[in-house]
Amino acid sequence: GIANSPPDRDFVGTPRLTVEMVARLQGFPDDWKFAGRKTP
C-alpha cells in the first residue's frame, strides 16, 4: 500500500512509500502537486 506520511520516530518494521516518494522515483520535481486523495 501507500503511506499517508513518512515513518515516525519510533517506527519498527518495513516502511511504505508516500505518494510524494513515488513521484520523486518517477522523476517528478518535488514541487509538482497531485490532485485528489491518495488512490487517484
ModelCIF file with pLDDT and N, C-alpha, C, O atoms, coordinates in Angstrom:
data_MODEL
#
_entry.id   MODEL 
#
_entity.id                         1 
_entity.type                       polymer 
_entity.pdbx_number_of_molecules   1 
#
_entity_poly.entity_id                      1 
_entity_poly.type                           'polypeptide(L)' 
_entity_poly.nstd_linkage                   no 
_entity_poly.nstd_monomer                   no 
_entity_poly.pdbx_seq_one_letter_code       GIANSPPDRDFVGTPRLTVEMVARLQGFPDDWKFAGRKTP 
_entity_poly.pdbx_seq_one_letter_code_can   GIANSPPDRDFVGTPRLTVEMVARLQGFPDDWKFAGRKTP 
_entity_poly.pdbx_strand_id                 A 
#
loop_
_entity_poly_seq.entity_id 
_entity_poly_seq.num 
_entity_poly_seq.mon_id 
_entity_poly_seq.hetero 
1 1  GLY n 
1 2  ILE n 
1 3  ALA n 
1 4  ASN n 
1 5  SER n 
1 6  PRO n 
1 7  PRO n 
1 8  ASP n 
1 9  ARG n 
1 10 ASP n 
1 11 PHE n 
1 12 VAL n 
1 13 GLY n 
1 14 THR n 
1 15 PRO n 
1 16 ARG n 
1 17 LEU n 
1 18 THR n 
1 19 VAL n 
1 20 GLU n 
1 21 MET n 
1 22 VAL n 
1 23 ALA n 
1 24 ARG n 
1 25 LEU n 
1 26 GLN n 
1 27 GLY n 
1 28 PHE n 
1 29 PRO n 
1 30 ASP n 
1 31 ASP n 
1 32 TRP n 
1 33 LYS n 
1 34 PHE n 
1 35 ALA n 
1 36 GLY n 
1 37 ARG n 
1 38 LYS n 
1 39 THR n 
1 40 PRO n 
#
_struct_asym.id          A 
_struct_asym.entity_id   1 
#
loop_
_ma_qa_metric.id 
_ma_qa_metric.mode 
_ma_qa_metric.name 
_ma_qa_metric.software_group_id 
_ma_qa_metric.type 
1 global pLDDT . pLDDT 
2 local  pLDDT . pLDDT 
#
_ma_qa_metric_global.metric_id      1 
_ma_qa_metric_global.metric_value   95.88 
_ma_qa_metric_global.model_id       1 
_ma_qa_metric_global.ordinal_id     1 
#
loop_
_ma_qa_metric_local.label_asym_id 
_ma_qa_metric_local.label_comp_id 
_ma_qa_metric_local.label_seq_id 
_ma_qa_metric_local.metric_id 
_ma_qa_metric_local.metric_value 
_ma_qa_metric_local.model_id 
_ma_qa_metric_local.ordinal_id 
A GLY 1  2 91.00 1 1  
A ILE 2  2 94.00 1 2  
A ALA 3  2 95.00 1 3  
A ASN 4  2 95.00 1 4  
A SER 5  2 96.00 1 5  
A PRO 6  2 97.00 1 6  
A PRO 7  2 97.00 1 7  
A ASP 8  2 97.00 1 8  
A ARG 9  2 97.00 1 9  
A ASP 10 2 97.00 1 10 
A PHE 11 2 97.00 1 11 
A VAL 12 2 95.00 1 12 
A GLY 13 2 94.00 1 13 
A THR 14 2 96.00 1 14 
A PRO 15 2 97.00 1 15 
A ARG 16 2 97.00 1 16 
A LEU 17 2 97.00 1 17 
A THR 18 2 97.00 1 18 
A VAL 19 2 96.00 1 19 
A GLU 20 2 97.00 1 20 
A MET 21 2 97.00 1 21 
A VAL 22 2 97.00 1 22 
A ALA 23 2 97.00 1 23 
A ARG 24 2 97.00 1 24 
A LEU 25 2 97.00 1 25 
A GLN 26 2 96.00 1 26 
A GLY 27 2 96.00 1 27 
A PHE 28 2 98.00 1 28 
A PRO 29 2 97.00 1 29 
A ASP 30 2 97.00 1 30 
A ASP 31 2 97.00 1 31 
A TRP 32 2 98.00 1 32 
A LYS 33 2 97.00 1 33 
A PHE 34 2 97.00 1 34 
A ALA 35 2 96.00 1 35 
A GLY 36 2 94.00 1 36 
A ARG 37 2 93.00 1 37 
A LYS 38 2 92.00 1 38 
A THR 39 2 91.00 1 39 
A PRO 40 2 92.00 1 40 
#
loop_
_atom_site.group_PDB 
_atom_site.id 
_atom_site.type_symbol 
_atom_site.label_atom_id 
_atom_site.label_alt_id 
_atom_site.label_comp_id 
_atom_site.label_asym_id 
_atom_site.label_entity_id 
_atom_site.label_seq_id 
_atom_site.pdbx_PDB_ins_code 
_atom_site.Cartn_x 
_atom_site.Cartn_y 
_atom_site.Cartn_z 
_atom_site.occupancy 
_atom_site.B_iso_or_equiv 
_atom_site.pdbx_formal_charge 
_atom_site.auth_seq_id 
_atom_site.auth_comp_id 
_atom_site.auth_asym_id 
_atom_site.auth_atom_id 
_atom_site.pdbx_PDB_model_num 
ATOM 1   N N  . GLY A 1 1  ? 0.835  -1.198 0.000   1.00 91.00 ? 1  GLY A N  1 
ATOM 2   C CA . GLY A 1 1  ? 0.000  0.000  0.000   1.00 91.00 ? 1  GLY A CA 1 
ATOM 3   C C  . GLY A 1 1  ? 0.865  1.242  0.000   1.00 91.00 ? 1  GLY A C  1 
ATOM 4   O O  . GLY A 1 1  ? 2.092  1.160  -0.067  1.00 91.00 ? 1  GLY A O  1 
ATOM 5   N N  . ILE A 1 2  ? 0.214  2.400  0.076   1.00 94.00 ? 2  ILE A N  1 
ATOM 6   C CA . ILE A 1 2  ? 0.905  3.682  0.079   1.00 94.00 ? 2  ILE A CA 1 
ATOM 7   C C  . ILE A 1 2  ? 0.637  4.383  1.404   1.00 94.00 ? 2  ILE A C  1 
ATOM 8   O O  . ILE A 1 2  ? -0.504 4.425  1.863   1.00 94.00 ? 2  ILE A O  1 
ATOM 9   N N  . ALA A 1 3  ? 1.666  4.927  2.013   1.00 95.00 ? 3  ALA A N  1 
ATOM 10  C CA . ALA A 1 3  ? 1.539  5.585  3.315   1.00 95.00 ? 3  ALA A CA 1 
ATOM 11  C C  . ALA A 1 3  ? 1.045  7.019  3.166   1.00 95.00 ? 3  ALA A C  1 
ATOM 12  O O  . ALA A 1 3  ? 1.214  7.645  2.120   1.00 95.00 ? 3  ALA A O  1 
ATOM 13  N N  . ASN A 1 4  ? 0.431  7.524  4.233   1.00 95.00 ? 4  ASN A N  1 
ATOM 14  C CA . ASN A 1 4  ? -0.001 8.923  4.242   1.00 95.00 ? 4  ASN A CA 1 
ATOM 15  C C  . ASN A 1 4  ? 1.131  9.869  4.621   1.00 95.00 ? 4  ASN A C  1 
ATOM 16  O O  . ASN A 1 4  ? 1.106  11.053 4.286   1.00 95.00 ? 4  ASN A O  1 
ATOM 17  N N  . SER A 1 5  ? 2.133  9.325  5.329   1.00 96.00 ? 5  SER A N  1 
ATOM 18  C CA . SER A 1 5  ? 3.230  10.161 5.812   1.00 96.00 ? 5  SER A CA 1 
ATOM 19  C C  . SER A 1 5  ? 4.458  9.294  6.051   1.00 96.00 ? 5  SER A C  1 
ATOM 20  O O  . SER A 1 5  ? 4.341  8.070  6.114   1.00 96.00 ? 5  SER A O  1 
ATOM 21  N N  . PRO A 1 6  ? 5.636  9.905  6.186   1.00 97.00 ? 6  PRO A N  1 
ATOM 22  C CA . PRO A 1 6  ? 6.853  9.126  6.449   1.00 97.00 ? 6  PRO A CA 1 
ATOM 23  C C  . PRO A 1 6  ? 6.778  8.428  7.809   1.00 97.00 ? 6  PRO A C  1 
ATOM 24  O O  . PRO A 1 6  ? 5.948  8.793  8.642   1.00 97.00 ? 6  PRO A O  1 
ATOM 25  N N  . PRO A 1 7  ? 7.638  7.426  8.044   1.00 97.00 ? 7  PRO A N  1 
ATOM 26  C CA . PRO A 1 7  ? 7.647  6.730  9.331   1.00 97.00 ? 7  PRO A CA 1 
ATOM 27  C C  . PRO A 1 7  ? 7.918  7.706  10.480  1.00 97.00 ? 7  PRO A C  1 
ATOM 28  O O  . PRO A 1 7  ? 8.718  8.633  10.349  1.00 97.00 ? 7  PRO A O  1 
ATOM 29  N N  . ASP A 1 8  ? 7.247  7.483  11.590  1.00 97.00 ? 8  ASP A N  1 
ATOM 30  C CA . ASP A 1 8  ? 7.510  8.347  12.741  1.00 97.00 ? 8  ASP A CA 1 
ATOM 31  C C  . ASP A 1 8  ? 8.800  7.907  13.446  1.00 97.00 ? 8  ASP A C  1 
ATOM 32  O O  . ASP A 1 8  ? 9.446  6.943  13.034  1.00 97.00 ? 8  ASP A O  1 
ATOM 33  N N  . ARG A 1 9  ? 9.156  8.616  14.494  1.00 97.00 ? 9  ARG A N  1 
ATOM 34  C CA . ARG A 1 9  ? 10.463 8.449  15.125  1.00 97.00 ? 9  ARG A CA 1 
ATOM 35  C C  . ARG A 1 9  ? 10.719 7.017  15.579  1.00 97.00 ? 9  ARG A C  1 
ATOM 36  O O  . ARG A 1 9  ? 11.822 6.503  15.393  1.00 97.00 ? 9  ARG A O  1 
ATOM 37  N N  . ASP A 1 10 ? 9.742  6.377  16.159  1.00 97.00 ? 10 ASP A N  1 
ATOM 38  C CA . ASP A 1 10 ? 9.941  5.049  16.745  1.00 97.00 ? 10 ASP A CA 1 
ATOM 39  C C  . ASP A 1 10 ? 9.362  3.923  15.892  1.00 97.00 ? 10 ASP A C  1 
ATOM 40  O O  . ASP A 1 10 ? 9.110  2.826  16.392  1.00 97.00 ? 10 ASP A O  1 
ATOM 41  N N  . PHE A 1 11 ? 9.155  4.192  14.620  1.00 97.00 ? 11 PHE A N  1 
ATOM 42  C CA . PHE A 1 11 ? 8.582  3.174  13.724  1.00 97.00 ? 11 PHE A CA 1 
ATOM 43  C C  . PHE A 1 11 ? 9.469  1.933  13.679  1.00 97.00 ? 11 PHE A C  1 
ATOM 44  O O  . PHE A 1 11 ? 10.693 2.033  13.593  1.00 97.00 ? 11 PHE A O  1 
ATOM 45  N N  . VAL A 1 12 ? 8.832  0.759  13.738  1.00 95.00 ? 12 VAL A N  1 
ATOM 46  C CA . VAL A 1 12 ? 9.538  -0.515 13.633  1.00 95.00 ? 12 VAL A CA 1 
ATOM 47  C C  . VAL A 1 12 ? 8.877  -1.331 12.524  1.00 95.00 ? 12 VAL A C  1 
ATOM 48  O O  . VAL A 1 12 ? 7.653  -1.463 12.484  1.00 95.00 ? 12 VAL A O  1 
ATOM 49  N N  . GLY A 1 13 ? 9.693  -1.874 11.630  1.00 94.00 ? 13 GLY A N  1 
ATOM 50  C CA . GLY A 1 13 ? 9.141  -2.669 10.543  1.00 94.00 ? 13 GLY A CA 1 
ATOM 51  C C  . GLY A 1 13 ? 9.604  -2.180 9.186   1.00 94.00 ? 13 GLY A C  1 
ATOM 52  O O  . GLY A 1 13 ? 10.618 -1.491 9.075   1.00 94.00 ? 13 GLY A O  1 
ATOM 53  N N  . THR A 1 14 ? 8.858  -2.538 8.161   1.00 96.00 ? 14 THR A N  1 
ATOM 54  C CA . THR A 1 14 ? 9.196  -2.171 6.783   1.00 96.00 ? 14 THR A CA 1 
ATOM 55  C C  . THR A 1 14 ? 8.307  -1.019 6.340   1.00 96.00 ? 14 THR A C  1 
ATOM 56  O O  . THR A 1 14 ? 7.088  -1.182 6.300   1.00 96.00 ? 14 THR A O  1 
ATOM 57  N N  . PRO A 1 15 ? 8.866  0.132  6.008   1.00 97.00 ? 15 PRO A N  1 
ATOM 58  C CA . PRO A 1 15 ? 8.041  1.300  5.684   1.00 97.00 ? 15 PRO A CA 1 
ATOM 59  C C  . PRO A 1 15 ? 7.395  1.201  4.302   1.00 97.00 ? 15 PRO A C  1 
ATOM 60  O O  . PRO A 1 15 ? 7.889  0.513  3.409   1.00 97.00 ? 15 PRO A O  1 
ATOM 61  N N  . ARG A 1 16 ? 6.306  1.892  4.160   1.00 97.00 ? 16 ARG A N  1 
ATOM 62  C CA . ARG A 1 16 ? 5.674  2.070  2.868   1.00 97.00 ? 16 ARG A CA 1 
ATOM 63  C C  . ARG A 1 16 ? 6.076  3.432  2.305   1.00 97.00 ? 16 ARG A C  1 
ATOM 64  O O  . ARG A 1 16 ? 6.477  4.327  3.049   1.00 97.00 ? 16 ARG A O  1 
ATOM 65  N N  . LEU A 1 17 ? 5.965  3.576  1.009   1.00 97.00 ? 17 LEU A N  1 
ATOM 66  C CA . LEU A 1 17 ? 6.262  4.852  0.363   1.00 97.00 ? 17 LEU A CA 1 
ATOM 67  C C  . LEU A 1 17 ? 5.035  5.757  0.405   1.00 97.00 ? 17 LEU A C  1 
ATOM 68  O O  . LEU A 1 17 ? 3.903  5.276  0.441   1.00 97.00 ? 17 LEU A O  1 
ATOM 69  N N  . THR A 1 18 ? 5.266  7.057  0.400   1.00 97.00 ? 18 THR A N  1 
ATOM 70  C CA . THR A 1 18 ? 4.182  8.025  0.243   1.00 97.00 ? 18 THR A CA 1 
ATOM 71  C C  . THR A 1 18 ? 4.046  8.365  -1.244  1.00 97.00 ? 18 THR A C  1 
ATOM 72  O O  . THR A 1 18 ? 4.920  8.030  -2.043  1.00 97.00 ? 18 THR A O  1 
ATOM 73  N N  . VAL A 1 19 ? 2.964  9.021  -1.604  1.00 96.00 ? 19 VAL A N  1 
ATOM 74  C CA . VAL A 1 19 ? 2.778  9.457  -2.987  1.00 96.00 ? 19 VAL A CA 1 
ATOM 75  C C  . VAL A 1 19 ? 3.941  10.349 -3.416  1.00 96.00 ? 19 VAL A C  1 
ATOM 76  O O  . VAL A 1 19 ? 4.426  10.252 -4.544  1.00 96.00 ? 19 VAL A O  1 
ATOM 77  N N  . GLU A 1 20 ? 4.386  11.222 -2.502  1.00 97.00 ? 20 GLU A N  1 
ATOM 78  C CA . GLU A 1 20 ? 5.487  12.137 -2.817  1.00 97.00 ? 20 GLU A CA 1 
ATOM 79  C C  . GLU A 1 20 ? 6.788  11.385 -3.088  1.00 97.00 ? 20 GLU A C  1 
ATOM 80  O O  . GLU A 1 20 ? 7.570  11.778 -3.954  1.00 97.00 ? 20 GLU A O  1 
ATOM 81  N N  . MET A 1 21 ? 7.016  10.306 -2.347  1.00 97.00 ? 21 MET A N  1 
ATOM 82  C CA . MET A 1 21 ? 8.219  9.493  -2.577  1.00 97.00 ? 21 MET A CA 1 
ATOM 83  C C  . MET A 1 21 ? 8.161  8.809  -3.939  1.00 97.00 ? 21 MET A C  1 
ATOM 84  O O  . MET A 1 21 ? 9.146  8.804  -4.679  1.00 97.00 ? 21 MET A O  1 
ATOM 85  N N  . VAL A 1 22 ? 7.016  8.236  -4.266  1.00 97.00 ? 22 VAL A N  1 
ATOM 86  C CA . VAL A 1 22 ? 6.866  7.573  -5.563  1.00 97.00 ? 22 VAL A CA 1 
ATOM 87  C C  . VAL A 1 22 ? 7.055  8.581  -6.695  1.00 97.00 ? 22 VAL A C  1 
ATOM 88  O O  . VAL A 1 22 ? 7.672  8.269  -7.714  1.00 97.00 ? 22 VAL A O  1 
ATOM 89  N N  . ALA A 1 23 ? 6.524  9.789  -6.514  1.00 97.00 ? 23 ALA A N  1 
ATOM 90  C CA . ALA A 1 23 ? 6.670  10.825 -7.536  1.00 97.00 ? 23 ALA A CA 1 
ATOM 91  C C  . ALA A 1 23 ? 8.143  11.159 -7.771  1.00 97.00 ? 23 ALA A C  1 
ATOM 92  O O  . ALA A 1 23 ? 8.563  11.358 -8.910  1.00 97.00 ? 23 ALA A O  1 
ATOM 93  N N  . ARG A 1 24 ? 8.914  11.217 -6.703  1.00 97.00 ? 24 ARG A N  1 
ATOM 94  C CA . ARG A 1 24 ? 10.344 11.503 -6.869  1.00 97.00 ? 24 ARG A CA 1 
ATOM 95  C C  . ARG A 1 24 ? 11.039 10.361 -7.611  1.00 97.00 ? 24 ARG A C  1 
ATOM 96  O O  . ARG A 1 24 ? 11.919 10.599 -8.438  1.00 97.00 ? 24 ARG A O  1 
ATOM 97  N N  . LEU A 1 25 ? 10.643 9.124  -7.313  1.00 97.00 ? 25 LEU A N  1 
ATOM 98  C CA . LEU A 1 25 ? 11.214 7.978  -8.024  1.00 97.00 ? 25 LEU A CA 1 
ATOM 99  C C  . LEU A 1 25 ? 10.830 7.979  -9.501  1.00 97.00 ? 25 LEU A C  1 
ATOM 100 O O  . LEU A 1 25 ? 11.529 7.381  -10.319 1.00 97.00 ? 25 LEU A O  1 
ATOM 101 N N  . GLN A 1 26 ? 9.741  8.636  -9.849  1.00 96.00 ? 26 GLN A N  1 
ATOM 102 C CA . GLN A 1 26 ? 9.323  8.764  -11.247 1.00 96.00 ? 26 GLN A CA 1 
ATOM 103 C C  . GLN A 1 26 ? 10.031 9.917  -11.948 1.00 96.00 ? 26 GLN A C  1 
ATOM 104 O O  . GLN A 1 26 ? 9.916  10.064 -13.165 1.00 96.00 ? 26 GLN A O  1 
ATOM 105 N N  . GLY A 1 27 ? 10.750 10.722 -11.207 1.00 96.00 ? 27 GLY A N  1 
ATOM 106 C CA . GLY A 1 27 ? 11.462 11.840 -11.817 1.00 96.00 ? 27 GLY A CA 1 
ATOM 107 C C  . GLY A 1 27 ? 10.708 13.155 -11.790 1.00 96.00 ? 27 GLY A C  1 
ATOM 108 O O  . GLY A 1 27 ? 11.116 14.116 -12.442 1.00 96.00 ? 27 GLY A O  1 
ATOM 109 N N  . PHE A 1 28 ? 9.605  13.211 -11.039 1.00 98.00 ? 28 PHE A N  1 
ATOM 110 C CA . PHE A 1 28 ? 8.883  14.479 -10.888 1.00 98.00 ? 28 PHE A CA 1 
ATOM 111 C C  . PHE A 1 28 ? 9.630  15.395 -9.934  1.00 98.00 ? 28 PHE A C  1 
ATOM 112 O O  . PHE A 1 28 ? 10.256 14.919 -8.987  1.00 98.00 ? 28 PHE A O  1 
ATOM 113 N N  . PRO A 1 29 ? 9.577  16.696 -10.165 1.00 97.00 ? 29 PRO A N  1 
ATOM 114 C CA . PRO A 1 29 ? 10.141 17.627 -9.176  1.00 97.00 ? 29 PRO A CA 1 
ATOM 115 C C  . PRO A 1 29 ? 9.279  17.624 -7.920  1.00 97.00 ? 29 PRO A C  1 
ATOM 116 O O  . PRO A 1 29 ? 8.078  17.360 -7.983  1.00 97.00 ? 29 PRO A O  1 
ATOM 117 N N  . ASP A 1 30 ? 9.893  17.915 -6.788  1.00 97.00 ? 30 ASP A N  1 
ATOM 118 C CA . ASP A 1 30 ? 9.180  17.843 -5.507  1.00 97.00 ? 30 ASP A CA 1 
ATOM 119 C C  . ASP A 1 30 ? 8.031  18.850 -5.416  1.00 97.00 ? 30 ASP A C  1 
ATOM 120 O O  . ASP A 1 30 ? 7.093  18.639 -4.647  1.00 97.00 ? 30 ASP A O  1 
ATOM 121 N N  . ASP A 1 31 ? 8.087  19.933 -6.182  1.00 97.00 ? 31 ASP A N  1 
ATOM 122 C CA . ASP A 1 31 ? 7.034  20.948 -6.074  1.00 97.00 ? 31 ASP A CA 1 
ATOM 123 C C  . ASP A 1 31 ? 5.830  20.663 -6.972  1.00 97.00 ? 31 ASP A C  1 
ATOM 124 O O  . ASP A 1 31 ? 4.896  21.463 -7.020  1.00 97.00 ? 31 ASP A O  1 
ATOM 125 N N  . TRP A 1 32 ? 5.840  19.533 -7.682  1.00 98.00 ? 32 TRP A N  1 
ATOM 126 C CA . TRP A 1 32 ? 4.704  19.172 -8.527  1.00 98.00 ? 32 TRP A CA 1 
ATOM 127 C C  . TRP A 1 32 ? 3.653  18.489 -7.652  1.00 98.00 ? 32 TRP A C  1 
ATOM 128 O O  . TRP A 1 32 ? 3.921  17.447 -7.055  1.00 98.00 ? 32 TRP A O  1 
ATOM 129 N N  . LYS A 1 33 ? 2.484  19.066 -7.581  1.00 97.00 ? 33 LYS A N  1 
ATOM 130 C CA . LYS A 1 33 ? 1.433  18.574 -6.692  1.00 97.00 ? 33 LYS A CA 1 
ATOM 131 C C  . LYS A 1 33 ? 0.398  17.758 -7.476  1.00 97.00 ? 33 LYS A C  1 
ATOM 132 O O  . LYS A 1 33 ? 0.102  18.058 -8.633  1.00 97.00 ? 33 LYS A O  1 
ATOM 133 N N  . PHE A 1 34 ? -0.140 16.736 -6.835  1.00 97.00 ? 34 PHE A N  1 
ATOM 134 C CA . PHE A 1 34 ? -1.116 15.855 -7.470  1.00 97.00 ? 34 PHE A CA 1 
ATOM 135 C C  . PHE A 1 34 ? -2.482 16.028 -6.823  1.00 97.00 ? 34 PHE A C  1 
ATOM 136 O O  . PHE A 1 34 ? -2.608 15.965 -5.600  1.00 97.00 ? 34 PHE A O  1 
ATOM 137 N N  . ALA A 1 35 ? -3.501 16.246 -7.644  1.00 96.00 ? 35 ALA A N  1 
ATOM 138 C CA . ALA A 1 35 ? -4.855 16.477 -7.156  1.00 96.00 ? 35 ALA A CA 1 
ATOM 139 C C  . ALA A 1 35 ? -5.506 15.166 -6.723  1.00 96.00 ? 35 ALA A C  1 
ATOM 140 O O  . ALA A 1 35 ? -5.153 14.091 -7.206  1.00 96.00 ? 35 ALA A O  1 
ATOM 141 N N  . GLY A 1 36 ? -6.444 15.276 -5.820  1.00 94.00 ? 36 GLY A N  1 
ATOM 142 C CA . GLY A 1 36 ? -7.202 14.105 -5.391  1.00 94.00 ? 36 GLY A CA 1 
ATOM 143 C C  . GLY A 1 36 ? -6.617 13.452 -4.160  1.00 94.00 ? 36 GLY A C  1 
ATOM 144 O O  . GLY A 1 36 ? -5.545 13.824 -3.681  1.00 94.00 ? 36 GLY A O  1 
ATOM 145 N N  . ARG A 1 37 ? -7.346 12.470 -3.658  1.00 93.00 ? 37 ARG A N  1 
ATOM 146 C CA . ARG A 1 37 ? -6.901 11.740 -2.482  1.00 93.00 ? 37 ARG A CA 1 
ATOM 147 C C  . ARG A 1 37 ? -5.813 10.743 -2.874  1.00 93.00 ? 37 ARG A C  1 
ATOM 148 O O  . ARG A 1 37 ? -5.372 10.705 -4.022  1.00 93.00 ? 37 ARG A O  1 
ATOM 149 N N  . LYS A 1 38 ? -5.392 9.943  -1.908  1.00 92.00 ? 38 LYS A N  1 
ATOM 150 C CA . LYS A 1 38 ? -4.208 9.100  -2.089  1.00 92.00 ? 38 LYS A CA 1 
ATOM 151 C C  . LYS A 1 38 ? -4.311 8.155  -3.288  1.00 92.00 ? 38 LYS A C  1 
ATOM 152 O O  . LYS A 1 38 ? -3.365 8.054  -4.068  1.00 92.00 ? 38 LYS A O  1 
ATOM 153 N N  . THR A 1 39 ? -5.426 7.472  -3.445  1.00 91.00 ? 39 THR A N  1 
ATOM 154 C CA . THR A 1 39 ? -5.532 6.483  -4.517  1.00 91.00 ? 39 THR A CA 1 
ATOM 155 C C  . THR A 1 39 ? -5.465 7.115  -5.905  1.00 91.00 ? 39 THR A C  1 
ATOM 156 O O  . THR A 1 39 ? -4.644 6.679  -6.713  1.00 91.00 ? 39 THR A O  1 
ATOM 157 N N  . PRO A 1 40 ? -6.292 8.132  -6.232  1.00 92.00 ? 40 PRO A N  1 
ATOM 158 C CA . PRO A 1 40 ? -6.169 8.743  -7.562  1.00 92.00 ? 40 PRO A CA 1 
ATOM 159 C C  . PRO A 1 40 ? -4.835 9.448  -7.769  1.00 92.00 ? 40 PRO A C  1 
ATOM 160 O O  . PRO A 1 40 ? -4.591 10.006 -8.839  1.00 92.00 ? 40 PRO A O  1 
#
